Amino acid sequence: MQKTSIDNISPNKISRKLRGLFIGALTFICSTNTIFAEEKKADVAQEKTSKTATNANSANTIEKPIALTTQHKADLKHYLSVEQVKPLLAGPNDYLTLVKRYTSANSKGVAILLPEWQQGATNPKAINYLRNALPAEGWSTIAIQPNNKPENYPSSAITLSEQKKENKLILKNYKNKLGAMLNAVMNTAKEYPGIVLVIAQGNNAALLVDLYSEAGNQLPNALILLSSYRKSNPGLTNSVNEKFARQLAFTELPVLDLYLKHDNPLVLAKAAQRKSFAKQEMKVYYRQRQLNNYITGYYPEKELLIQINGWLKAIGW
């Protein structure tokens, strides 16, 4: 049998064989790349699904922000001494107060300090300065950590009548708690000799006047207002602040009404109305003063103390 020699194979046959091998190899490579590409797509899709599930689980486990009042209480307990921080129970609700005894030779009485809602008992705008300065003037001070601003206030209802109705219900609950707290603080203040002076700020000051116009609330001997006004919906702002001004004019409490040159626009807009109503009712122990300040909302410390001492001496204290 005759053997086949490579020399006897024609170049055309070799070329066709090599072409076939090349095409086969190329087909194998392409098919392999296709398989790898499909596997990679599957892996990417699975990774996206896994990330989506992880994010969904994370969203479900995110905790709600800590309430501002809770944060204030935690800060007071952490940064101030145990001797100053005193718990207070008013009905089912608990509060924190900061107590400092007078350091002068004689005691004049107790000054209860109520900051604006959303602010702490060590609010640097005025309250904290008075808390530390008044004891040297003969006053024991009780600074209160108030409740946070009522939720959903002012109302987001569509019509004005609905806003008015919802606001009344929201503030009724807040005022009930505020009244119970003030009565509890007043009971504590009676343990100290002398008169009781309340210094209140912002919306809480206006709500206090509302409470003092109702029966069943213990009254202090005098009231000092710091930048007081009533916040409400745009369509109700004028009416609620007019009501506040009339209640202030009718109250028998001696009142020192202080506000700032650079203050909340609503405070500046309604200050003249309060003074006018007080004059109409011939309110004897009423004084209103505007204090010059450089930083909006911050009371000049020395001038604030001078105004308070001067007014107290004018009414015999």
C-alpha atoms as a PDB file:
ATOM      1  CA  MET A   1       0.000   0.000   0.000  1.00  0.00           C
ATOM      2  CA  GLN A   2       1.406   3.344  -1.015  1.00  0.00           C
ATOM      3  CA  LYS A   3       2.025   5.790   1.832  1.00  0.00           C
ATOM      4  CA  THR A   4       0.735   9.344   1.556  1.00  0.00           C
ATOM      5  CA  SER A   5       3.465  11.908   1.821  1.00  0.00           C
ATOM      6  CA  ILE A   6       2.849  15.510   2.875  1.00  0.00           C
ATOM      7  CA  ASP A   7       4.739  16.458  -0.224  1.00  0.00           C
ATOM      8  CA  ASN A   8       1.997  14.820  -2.269  1.00  0.00           C
ATOM      9  CA  ILE A   9      -0.772  17.007  -0.577  1.00  0.00           C
ATOM     10  CA  SER A  10      -1.619  19.987  -2.640  1.00  0.00           C
ATOM     11  CA  PRO A  11      -1.377  23.512  -1.162  1.00  0.00           C
ATOM     12  CA  ASN A  12      -5.087  24.070  -1.774  1.00  0.00           C
ATOM     13  CA  LYS A  13      -6.018  21.123   0.457  1.00  0.00           C
ATOM     14  CA  ILE A  14      -3.742  22.424   3.250  1.00  0.00           C
ATOM     15  CA  SER A  15      -5.230  25.887   2.971  1.00  0.00           C
ATOM     16  CA  ARG A  16      -8.780  24.516   3.220  1.00  0.00           C
ATOM     17  CA  LYS A  17      -7.881  22.448   6.295  1.00  0.00           C
ATOM     18  CA  LEU A  18      -6.221  25.391   8.040  1.00  0.00           C
ATOM     19  CA  ARG A  19      -9.219  27.586   7.227  1.00  0.00           C
ATOM     20  CA  GLY A  20     -11.522  24.993   8.714  1.00  0.00           C
ATOM     21  CA  LEU A  21      -9.457  24.756  11.875  1.00  0.00           C
ATOM     22  CA  PHE A  22      -9.358  28.558  12.228  1.00  0.00           C
ATOM     23  CA  ILE A  23     -13.111  28.880  11.744  1.00  0.00           C
ATOM     24  CA  GLY A  24     -13.707  26.133  14.307  1.00  0.00           C
ATOM     25  CA  ALA A  25     -11.425  27.807  16.841  1.00  0.00           C
ATOM     26  CA  LEU A  26     -13.058  31.198  16.228  1.00  0.00           C
ATOM     27  CA  THR A  27     -16.531  29.697  16.679  1.00  0.00           C
ATOM     28  CA  PHE A  28     -15.445  28.100  19.959  1.00  0.00           C
ATOM     29  CA  ILE A  29     -14.023  31.373  21.257  1.00  0.00           C
ATOM     30  CA  CYS A  30     -17.168  33.328  20.328  1.00  0.00           C
ATOM     31  CA  SER A  31     -19.460  30.802  21.945  1.00  0.00           C
ATOM     32  CA  THR A  32     -17.304  30.813  25.069  1.00  0.00           C
ATOM     33  CA  ASN A  33     -17.387  34.629  25.254  1.00  0.00           C
ATOM     34  CA  THR A  34     -21.157  34.563  24.821  1.00  0.00           C
ATOM     35  CA  ILE A  35     -21.523  32.143  27.724  1.00  0.00           C
ATOM     36  CA  PHE A  36     -19.224  34.304  29.904  1.00  0.00           C
ATOM     37  CA  ALA A  37     -21.177  37.447  28.973  1.00  0.00           C
ATOM     38  CA  GLU A  38     -24.484  35.828  29.859  1.00  0.00           C
ATOM     39  CA  GLU A  39     -23.094  34.594  33.169  1.00  0.00           C
ATOM     40  CA  LYS A  40     -21.755  38.086  33.942  1.00  0.00           C
ATOM     41  CA  LYS A  41     -25.147  39.635  33.199  1.00  0.00           C
ATOM     42  CA  ALA A  42     -26.785  37.133  35.509  1.00  0.00           C
ATOM     43  CA  ASP A  43     -24.271  37.943  38.255  1.00  0.00           C
ATOM     44  CA  VAL A  44     -24.845  41.699  37.864  1.00  0.00           C
ATOM     45  CA  ALA A  45     -28.614  41.235  37.958  1.00  0.00           C
ATOM     46  CA  GLN A  46     -28.315  39.089  41.067  1.00  0.00           C
ATOM     47  CA  GLU A  47     -26.051  41.695  42.720  1.00  0.00           C
ATOM     48  CA  LYS A  48     -28.540  44.477  41.953  1.00  0.00           C
ATOM     49  CA  THR A  49     -31.372  42.407  43.367  1.00  0.00           C
ATOM     50  CA  SER A  50     -29.322  41.730  46.488  1.00  0.00           C
ATOM     51  CA  LYS A  51     -28.493  45.436  46.928  1.00  0.00           C
ATOM     52  CA  THR A  52     -32.145  46.409  46.449  1.00  0.00           C
ATOM     53  CA  ALA A  53     -33.217  43.911  49.077  1.00  0.00           C
ATOM     54  CA  THR A  54     -30.490  45.124  51.444  1.00  0.00           C
ATOM     55  CA  ASN A  55     -31.518  48.777  50.965  1.00  0.00           C
ATOM     56  CA  ALA A  56     -35.150  47.879  51.533  1.00  0.00           C
ATOM     57  CA  ASN A  57     -34.264  46.092  54.746  1.00  0.00           C
ATOM     58  CA  SER A  58     -32.101  49.027  55.839  1.00  0.00           C
ATOM     59  CA  ALA A  59     -34.952  51.457  55.162  1.00  0.00           C
ATOM     60  CA  ASN A  60     -37.262  49.367  57.286  1.00  0.00           C
ATOM     61  CA  THR A  61     -34.816  49.322  60.177  1.00  0.00           C
ATOM     62  CA  ILE A  62     -33.957  53.077  60.213  1.00  0.00           C
ATOM     63  CA  GLU A  63     -34.950  54.499  63.570  1.00  0.00           C
ATOM     64  CA  LYS A  64     -36.956  57.698  63.893  1.00  0.00           C
ATOM     65  CA  PRO A  65     -35.114  60.859  64.997  1.00  0.00           C
ATOM     66  CA  ILE A  66     -35.003  61.438  68.737  1.00  0.00           C
ATOM     67  CA  ALA A  67     -37.498  64.067  69.882  1.00  0.00           C
ATOM     68  CA  LEU A  68     -35.989  67.502  70.507  1.00  0.00           C
ATOM     69  CA  THR A  69     -37.331  67.627  74.063  1.00  0.00           C
ATOM     70  CA  THR A  70     -35.684  64.282  74.807  1.00  0.00           C
ATOM     71  CA  GLN A  71     -32.374  65.591  73.451  1.00  0.00           C
ATOM     72  CA  HIS A  72     -32.602  68.696  75.642  1.00  0.00           C
ATOM     73  CA  LYS A  73     -33.283  66.577  78.727  1.00  0.00           C
ATOM     74  CA  ALA A  74     -30.356  64.276  77.962  1.00  0.00           C
ATOM     75  CA  ASP A  75     -28.028  67.270  77.534  1.00  0.00           C
ATOM     76  CA  LEU A  76     -29.134  68.825  80.823  1.00  0.00           C
ATOM     77  CA  LYS A  77     -28.528  65.592  82.714  1.00  0.00           C
ATOM     78  CA  HIS A  78     -25.156  65.106  81.055  1.00  0.00           C
ATOM     79  CA  TYR A  79     -23.644  68.572  81.323  1.00  0.00           C
ATOM     80  CA  LEU A  80     -25.122  69.969  84.546  1.00  0.00           C
ATOM     81  CA  SER A  81     -24.597  68.841  88.115  1.00  0.00           C
ATOM     82  CA  VAL A  82     -27.127  66.652  89.886  1.00  0.00           C
ATOM     83  CA  GLU A  83     -27.724  69.414  92.440  1.00  0.00           C
ATOM     84  CA  GLN A  84     -29.087  71.731  89.736  1.00  0.00           C
ATOM     85  CA  VAL A  85     -31.231  69.307  87.726  1.00  0.00           C
ATOM     86  CA  LYS A  86     -34.507  68.567  89.505  1.00  0.00           C
ATOM     87  CA  PRO A  87     -37.227  66.316  88.052  1.00  0.00           C
ATOM     88  CA  LEU A  88     -40.801  67.558  88.167  1.00  0.00           C
ATOM     89  CA  LEU A  89     -43.981  65.499  87.872  1.00  0.00           C
ATOM     90  CA  ALA A  90     -47.105  67.235  86.554  1.00  0.00           C
ATOM     91  CA  GLY A  91     -49.908  64.694  86.236  1.00  0.00           C
ATOM     92  CA  PRO A  92     -48.730  61.826  84.008  1.00  0.00           C
ATOM     93  CA  ASN A  93     -45.971  63.955  82.445  1.00  0.00           C
ATOM     94  CA  ASP A  94     -42.455  64.439  83.777  1.00  0.00           C
ATOM     95  CA  TYR A  95     -40.280  67.503  83.253  1.00  0.00           C
ATOM     96  CA  LEU A  96     -36.836  68.740  84.175  1.00  0.00           C
ATOM     97  CA  THR A  97     -36.149  71.990  86.008  1.00  0.00           C
ATOM     98  CA  LEU A  98     -32.870  73.738  86.771  1.00  0.00           C
ATOM     99  CA  VAL A  99     -32.817  75.194  90.273  1.00  0.00           C
ATOM    100  CA  LYS A 100     -30.368  77.762  91.643  1.00  0.00           C
ATOM    101  CA  ARG A 101     -30.744  79.320  95.097  1.00  0.00           C
ATOM    102  CA  TYR A 102     -30.176  82.996  95.741  1.00  0.00           C
ATOM    103  CA  THR A 103     -26.648  84.010  96.750  1.00  0.00           C
ATOM    104  CA  SER A 104     -27.296  87.510  98.133  1.00  0.00           C
ATOM    105  CA  ALA A 105     -27.789  88.415 101.811  1.00  0.00           C
ATOM    106  CA  ASN A 106     -31.584  88.628 101.487  1.00  0.00           C
ATOM    107  CA  SER A 107     -34.060  86.655  99.410  1.00  0.00           C
ATOM    108  CA  LYS A 108     -36.481  88.550  97.183  1.00  0.00           C
ATOM    109  CA  GLY A 109     -38.335  85.506  95.943  1.00  0.00           C
ATOM    110  CA  VAL A 110     -38.408  83.028  93.072  1.00  0.00           C
ATOM    111  CA  ALA A 111     -38.038  83.720  89.348  1.00  0.00           C
ATOM    112  CA  ILE A 112     -39.604  81.005  87.147  1.00  0.00           C
ATOM    113  CA  LEU A 113     -38.006  80.969  83.700  1.00  0.00           C
ATOM    114  CA  LEU A 114     -39.965  79.527  80.767  1.00  0.00           C
ATOM    115  CA  PRO A 115     -38.163  79.429  77.371  1.00  0.00           C
ATOM    116  CA  GLU A 116     -39.813  79.430  73.980  1.00  0.00           C
ATOM    117  CA  TRP A 117     -40.939  76.054  72.646  1.00  0.00           C
ATOM    118  CA  GLN A 118     -38.202  74.328  70.594  1.00  0.00           C
ATOM    119  CA  GLN A 119     -35.606  75.827  72.966  1.00  0.00           C
ATOM    120  CA  GLY A 120     -33.774  74.493  75.994  1.00  0.00           C
ATOM    121  CA  ALA A 121     -33.751  75.584  79.607  1.00  0.00           C
ATOM    122  CA  THR A 122     -30.239  76.902  79.013  1.00  0.00           C
ATOM    123  CA  ASN A 123     -31.266  78.951  75.983  1.00  0.00           C
ATOM    124  CA  PRO A 124     -28.461  81.509  75.487  1.00  0.00           C
ATOM    125  CA  LYS A 125     -30.715  84.210  74.022  1.00  0.00           C
ATOM    126  CA  ALA A 126     -31.771  85.404  77.495  1.00  0.00           C
ATOM    127  CA  ILE A 127     -32.969  82.600  79.771  1.00  0.00           C
ATOM    128  CA  ASN A 128     -29.592  81.114  80.664  1.00  0.00           C
ATOM    129  CA  TYR A 129     -28.129  84.513  81.505  1.00  0.00           C
ATOM    130  CA  LEU A 130     -31.032  85.314  83.846  1.00  0.00           C
ATOM    131  CA  ARG A 131     -30.786  81.844  85.385  1.00  0.00           C
ATOM    132  CA  ASN A 132     -27.213  82.583  86.431  1.00  0.00           C
ATOM    133  CA  ALA A 133     -27.447  86.341  87.087  1.00  0.00           C
ATOM    134  CA  LEU A 134     -30.643  86.650  89.134  1.00  0.00           C
ATOM    135  CA  PRO A 135     -29.422  84.630  92.170  1.00  0.00           C
ATOM    136  CA  ALA A 136     -26.873  87.383  92.878  1.00  0.00           C
ATOM    137  CA  GLU A 137     -29.798  89.853  92.856  1.00  0.00           C
ATOM    138  CA  GLY A 138     -31.643  87.882  95.535  1.00  0.00           C
ATOM    139  CA  TRP A 139     -33.760  85.600  93.356  1.00  0.00           C
ATOM    140  CA  SER A 140     -33.837  81.825  93.414  1.00  0.00           C
ATOM    141  CA  THR A 141     -34.361  80.664  89.829  1.00  0.00           C
ATOM    142  CA  ILE A 142     -36.307  77.699  88.455  1.00  0.00           C
ATOM    143  CA  ALA A 143     -35.720  77.229  84.720  1.00  0.00           C
ATOM    144  CA  ILE A 144     -38.148  74.868  83.004  1.00  0.00           C
ATOM    145  CA  GLN A 145     -37.462  72.565  80.062  1.00  0.00           C
ATOM    146  CA  PRO A 146     -40.746  73.000  78.130  1.00  0.00           C
ATOM    147  CA  ASN A 147     -42.494  70.629  75.784  1.00  0.00           C
ATOM    148  CA  ASN A 148     -41.718  70.697  72.092  1.00  0.00           C
ATOM    149  CA  LYS A 149     -43.901  72.695  69.694  1.00  0.00           C
ATOM    150  CA  PRO A 150     -47.213  70.871  69.110  1.00  0.00           C
ATOM    151  CA  GLU A 151     -47.119  68.547  66.121  1.00  0.00           C
ATOM    152  CA  ASN A 152     -48.992  69.647  63.000  1.00  0.00           C
ATOM    153  CA  TYR A 153     -49.239  73.230  64.288  1.00  0.00           C
ATOM    154  CA  PRO A 154     -50.302  75.435  62.699  1.00  0.00           C
ATOM    155  CA  SER A 155     -52.947  73.419  60.896  1.00  0.00           C
ATOM    156  CA  SER A 156     -52.474  72.491  57.234  1.00  0.00           C
ATOM    157  CA  ALA A 157     -56.216  72.347  56.546  1.00  0.00           C
ATOM    158  CA  ILE A 158     -57.487  74.014  53.374  1.00  0.00           C
ATOM    159  CA  THR A 159     -60.204  76.355  54.643  1.00  0.00           C
ATOM    160  CA  LEU A 160     -59.751  79.048  57.276  1.00  0.00           C
ATOM    161  CA  SER A 161     -62.557  77.668  59.438  1.00  0.00           C
ATOM    162  CA  GLU A 162     -60.969  74.200  59.454  1.00  0.00           C
ATOM    163  CA  GLN A 163     -57.577  75.702  60.336  1.00  0.00           C
ATOM    164  CA  LYS A 164     -59.105  77.586  63.240  1.00  0.00           C
ATOM    165  CA  LYS A 165     -60.885  74.504  64.535  1.00  0.00           C
ATOM    166  CA  GLU A 166     -57.831  72.239  64.282  1.00  0.00           C
ATOM    167  CA  ASN A 167     -55.523  74.831  65.857  1.00  0.00           C
ATOM    168  CA  LYS A 168     -57.870  75.167  68.810  1.00  0.00           C
ATOM    169  CA  LEU A 169     -57.835  71.407  69.436  1.00  0.00           C
ATOM    170  CA  ILE A 170     -54.046  71.147  69.044  1.00  0.00           C
ATOM    171  CA  LEU A 171     -53.333  74.065  71.380  1.00  0.00           C
ATOM    172  CA  LYS A 172     -55.892  72.907  73.936  1.00  0.00           C
ATOM    173  CA  ASN A 173     -53.858  69.773  74.659  1.00  0.00           C
ATOM    174  CA  TYR A 174     -50.597  71.752  74.748  1.00  0.00           C
ATOM    175  CA  LYS A 175     -52.065  74.398  77.081  1.00  0.00           C
ATOM    176  CA  ASN A 176     -53.437  71.753  79.435  1.00  0.00           C
ATOM    177  CA  LYS A 177     -49.949  70.293  79.836  1.00  0.00           C
ATOM    178  CA  LEU A 178     -48.406  73.755  80.142  1.00  0.00           C
ATOM    179  CA  GLY A 179     -50.913  74.762  82.820  1.00  0.00           C
ATOM    180  CA  ALA A 180     -50.348  71.578  84.820  1.00  0.00           C
ATOM    181  CA  MET A 181     -46.595  72.102  84.619  1.00  0.00           C
ATOM    182  CA  LEU A 182     -46.795  75.746  85.741  1.00  0.00           C
ATOM    183  CA  ASN A 183     -49.048  74.854  88.659  1.00  0.00           C
ATOM    184  CA  ALA A 184     -46.563  72.190  89.764  1.00  0.00           C
ATOM    185  CA  VAL A 185     -43.705  74.692  89.525  1.00  0.00           C
ATOM    186  CA  MET A 186     -45.732  77.254  91.468  1.00  0.00           C
ATOM    187  CA  ASN A 187     -46.182  74.701  94.270  1.00  0.00           C
ATOM    188  CA  THR A 188     -42.410  74.218  94.314  1.00  0.00           C
ATOM    189  CA  ALA A 189     -41.845  77.994  94.339  1.00  0.00           C
ATOM    190  CA  LYS A 190     -43.952  78.340  97.484  1.00  0.00           C
ATOM    191  CA  GLU A 191     -41.238  76.475  99.379  1.00  0.00           C
ATOM    192  CA  TYR A 192     -39.041  79.574  98.991  1.00  0.00           C
ATOM    193  CA  PRO A 193     -39.632  82.910 100.755  1.00  0.00           C
ATOM    194  CA  GLY A 194     -40.697  86.031  98.885  1.00  0.00           C
ATOM    195  CA  ILE A 195     -42.750  86.763  95.773  1.00  0.00           C
ATOM    196  CA  VAL A 196     -43.017  84.720  92.604  1.00  0.00           C
ATOM    197  CA  LEU A 197     -41.950  86.222  89.277  1.00  0.00           C
ATOM    198  CA  VAL A 198     -42.524  84.472  85.931  1.00  0.00           C
ATOM    199  CA  ILE A 199     -40.293  85.314  82.946  1.00  0.00           C
ATOM    200  CA  ALA A 200     -41.585  83.735  79.728  1.00  0.00           C
ATOM    201  CA  GLN A 201     -40.472  83.862  76.107  1.00  0.00           C
ATOM    202  CA  GLY A 202     -42.121  83.816  72.672  1.00  0.00           C
ATOM    203  CA  ASN A 203     -45.236  81.723  72.050  1.00  0.00           C
ATOM    204  CA  ASN A 204     -45.110  80.221  75.528  1.00  0.00           C
ATOM    205  CA  ALA A 205     -45.359  83.735  76.992  1.00  0.00           C
ATOM    206  CA  ALA A 206     -48.509  84.430  74.967  1.00  0.00           C
ATOM    207  CA  LEU A 207     -50.037  81.070  75.916  1.00  0.00           C
ATOM    208  CA  LEU A 208     -49.316  81.799  79.589  1.00  0.00           C
ATOM    209  CA  VAL A 209     -51.337  85.007  79.334  1.00  0.00           C
ATOM    210  CA  ASP A 210     -54.140  82.934  77.818  1.00  0.00           C
ATOM    211  CA  LEU A 211     -53.939  80.489  80.740  1.00  0.00           C
ATOM    212  CA  TYR A 212     -53.860  83.283  83.337  1.00  0.00           C
ATOM    213  CA  SER A 213     -57.071  84.695  81.841  1.00  0.00           C
ATOM    214  CA  GLU A 214     -58.836  81.426  82.699  1.00  0.00           C
ATOM    215  CA  ALA A 215     -59.932  80.266  86.126  1.00  0.00           C
ATOM    216  CA  GLY A 216     -58.136  77.470  87.962  1.00  0.00           C
ATOM    217  CA  ASN A 217     -54.557  78.531  87.265  1.00  0.00           C
ATOM    218  CA  GLN A 218     -52.244  79.808  89.971  1.00  0.00           C
ATOM    219  CA  LEU A 219     -51.065  83.344  89.292  1.00  0.00           C
ATOM    220  CA  PRO A 220     -47.597  84.722  90.032  1.00  0.00           C
ATOM    221  CA  ASN A 221     -47.053  88.162  91.556  1.00  0.00           C
ATOM    222  CA  ALA A 222     -45.646  89.583  88.309  1.00  0.00           C
ATOM    223  CA  LEU A 223     -45.008  88.599  84.697  1.00  0.00           C
ATOM    224  CA  ILE A 224     -42.150  89.521  82.342  1.00  0.00           C
ATOM    225  CA  LEU A 225     -42.569  88.842  78.610  1.00  0.00           C
ATOM    226  CA  LEU A 226     -39.595  88.390  76.280  1.00  0.00           C
ATOM    227  CA  SER A 227     -40.342  88.802  72.542  1.00  0.00           C
ATOM    228  CA  SER A 228     -43.865  87.476  72.978  1.00  0.00           C
ATOM    229  CA  TYR A 229     -46.259  86.759  70.107  1.00  0.00           C
ATOM    230  CA  ARG A 230     -48.712  84.151  68.839  1.00  0.00           C
ATOM    231  CA  LYS A 231     -47.778  81.976  65.866  1.00  0.00           C
ATOM    232  CA  SER A 232     -50.606  80.804  63.604  1.00  0.00           C
ATOM    233  CA  ASN A 233     -51.705  80.467  59.976  1.00  0.00           C
ATOM    234  CA  PRO A 234     -51.322  83.632  57.837  1.00  0.00           C
ATOM    235  CA  GLY A 235     -55.087  84.169  57.755  1.00  0.00           C
ATOM    236  CA  LEU A 236     -55.391  83.835  61.541  1.00  0.00           C
ATOM    237  CA  THR A 237     -52.259  85.643  62.724  1.00  0.00           C
ATOM    238  CA  ASN A 238     -53.892  89.050  63.204  1.00  0.00           C
ATOM    239  CA  SER A 239     -56.884  87.738  65.125  1.00  0.00           C
ATOM    240  CA  VAL A 240     -54.927  85.511  67.551  1.00  0.00           C
ATOM    241  CA  ASN A 241     -52.414  88.269  68.294  1.00  0.00           C
ATOM    242  CA  GLU A 242     -55.203  90.788  68.862  1.00  0.00           C
ATOM    243  CA  LYS A 243     -56.781  88.353  71.308  1.00  0.00           C
ATOM    244  CA  PHE A 244     -53.409  88.019  73.064  1.00  0.00           C
ATOM    245  CA  ALA A 245     -53.078  91.827  73.295  1.00  0.00           C
ATOM    246  CA  ARG A 246     -56.562  92.186  74.806  1.00  0.00           C
ATOM    247  CA  GLN A 247     -55.979  89.398  77.320  1.00  0.00           C
ATOM    248  CA  LEU A 248     -52.736  91.087  78.356  1.00  0.00           C
ATOM    249  CA  ALA A 249     -54.528  94.419  78.816  1.00  0.00           C
ATOM    250  CA  PHE A 250     -57.282  92.842  80.938  1.00  0.00           C
ATOM    251  CA  THR A 251     -55.047  90.823  83.243  1.00  0.00           C
ATOM    252  CA  GLU A 252     -54.452  92.276  86.692  1.00  0.00           C
ATOM    253  CA  LEU A 253     -50.862  91.045  86.754  1.00  0.00           C
ATOM    254  CA  PRO A 254     -48.076  93.637  86.645  1.00  0.00           C
ATOM    255  CA  VAL A 255     -46.418  93.122  83.246  1.00  0.00           C
ATOM    256  CA  LEU A 256     -43.038  94.105  81.833  1.00  0.00           C
ATOM    257  CA  ASP A 257     -43.203  93.666  78.040  1.00  0.00           C
ATOM    258  CA  LEU A 258     -39.709  93.529  76.483  1.00  0.00           C
ATOM    259  CA  TYR A 259     -38.732  93.067  72.862  1.00  0.00           C
ATOM    260  CA  LEU A 260     -35.716  93.750  70.650  1.00  0.00           C
ATOM    261  CA  LYS A 261     -34.875  96.196  67.893  1.00  0.00           C
ATOM    262  CA  HIS A 262     -33.809  93.220  65.760  1.00  0.00           C
ATOM    263  CA  ASP A 263     -36.470  90.668  66.607  1.00  0.00           C
ATOM    264  CA  ASN A 264     -38.951  88.290  65.034  1.00  0.00           C
ATOM    265  CA  PRO A 265     -40.914  90.335  62.426  1.00  0.00           C
ATOM    266  CA  LEU A 266     -44.199  89.336  64.045  1.00  0.00           C
ATOM    267  CA  VAL A 267     -42.974  90.525  67.453  1.00  0.00           C
ATOM    268  CA  LEU A 268     -42.085  93.912  65.980  1.00  0.00           C
ATOM    269  CA  ALA A 269     -45.390  94.157  64.110  1.00  0.00           C
ATOM    270  CA  LYS A 270     -47.598  93.451  67.156  1.00  0.00           C
ATOM    271  CA  ALA A 271     -45.737  95.232  69.982  1.00  0.00           C
ATOM    272  CA  ALA A 272     -47.477  98.581  69.371  1.00  0.00           C
ATOM    273  CA  GLN A 273     -50.898  96.912  69.492  1.00  0.00           C
ATOM    274  CA  ARG A 274     -50.240  95.488  72.963  1.00  0.00           C
ATOM    275  CA  LYS A 275     -49.121  98.861  74.252  1.00  0.00           C
ATOM    276  CA  SER A 276     -52.168 100.588  72.742  1.00  0.00           C
ATOM    277  CA  PHE A 277     -54.646  98.148  74.303  1.00  0.00           C
ATOM    278  CA  ALA A 278     -52.911  98.465  77.706  1.00  0.00           C
ATOM    279  CA  LYS A 279     -53.329 102.252  77.533  1.00  0.00           C
ATOM    280  CA  GLN A 280     -56.992 101.925  76.551  1.00  0.00           C
ATOM    281  CA  GLU A 281     -57.646  99.735  79.587  1.00  0.00           C
ATOM    282  CA  MET A 282     -55.528 102.071  81.762  1.00  0.00           C
ATOM    283  CA  LYS A 283     -53.397  99.171  82.914  1.00  0.00           C
ATOM    284  CA  VAL A 284     -51.315 100.717  85.687  1.00  0.00           C
ATOM    285  CA  TYR A 285     -48.470  98.238  86.144  1.00  0.00           C
ATOM    286  CA  TYR A 286     -47.600  97.810  82.493  1.00  0.00           C
ATOM    287  CA  ARG A 287     -44.327  98.848  80.922  1.00  0.00           C
ATOM    288  CA  GLN A 288     -43.076  98.138  77.426  1.00  0.00           C
ATOM    289  CA  ARG A 289     -39.460  98.609  76.379  1.00  0.00           C
ATOM    290  CA  GLN A 290     -37.476  97.959  73.216  1.00  0.00           C
ATOM    291  CA  LEU A 291     -33.855  96.915  73.765  1.00  0.00           C
ATOM    292  CA  ASN A 292     -31.094  97.506  71.238  1.00  0.00           C
ATOM    293  CA  ASN A 293     -29.306  94.357  70.131  1.00  0.00           C
ATOM    294  CA  TYR A 294     -26.702  93.412  67.530  1.00  0.00           C
ATOM    295  CA  ILE A 295     -27.603  89.749  66.985  1.00  0.00           C
ATOM    296  CA  THR A 296     -31.197  88.979  66.049  1.00  0.00           C
ATOM    297  CA  GLY A 297     -33.086  87.360  68.923  1.00  0.00           C
ATOM    298  CA  TYR A 298     -30.298  87.764  71.510  1.00  0.00           C
ATOM    299  CA  TYR A 299     -30.918  90.113  74.442  1.00  0.00           C
ATOM    300  CA  PRO A 300     -28.133  92.458  75.588  1.00  0.00           C
ATOM    301  CA  GLU A 301     -27.411  90.954  78.996  1.00  0.00           C
ATOM    302  CA  LYS A 302     -26.627  93.998  81.145  1.00  0.00           C
ATOM    303  CA  GLU A 303     -29.423  96.090  79.668  1.00  0.00           C
ATOM    304  CA  LEU A 304     -31.881  93.234  80.217  1.00  0.00           C
ATOM    305  CA  LEU A 305     -30.995  93.015  83.905  1.00  0.00           C
ATOM    306  CA  ILE A 306     -31.178  96.807  84.304  1.00  0.00           C
ATOM    307  CA  GLN A 307     -34.683  96.900  82.797  1.00  0.00           C
ATOM    308  CA  ILE A 308     -35.916  94.087  85.059  1.00  0.00           C
ATOM    309  CA  ASN A 309     -34.444  95.585  88.256  1.00  0.00           C
ATOM    310  CA  GLY A 310     -35.688  99.078  87.394  1.00  0.00           C
ATOM    311  CA  TRP A 311     -39.240  97.872  86.757  1.00  0.00           C
ATOM    312  CA  LEU A 312     -39.345  95.766  89.925  1.00  0.00           C
ATOM    313  CA  LYS A 313     -38.234  98.772  91.997  1.00  0.00           C
ATOM    314  CA  ALA A 314     -40.863 100.939  90.273  1.00  0.00           C
ATOM    315  CA  ILE A 315     -43.676  98.624  91.392  1.00  0.00           C
ATOM    316  CA  GLY A 316     -42.278  98.343  94.917  1.00  0.00           C
ATOM    317  CA  TRP A 317     -40.088  95.229  94.781  1.00  0.00           C
END
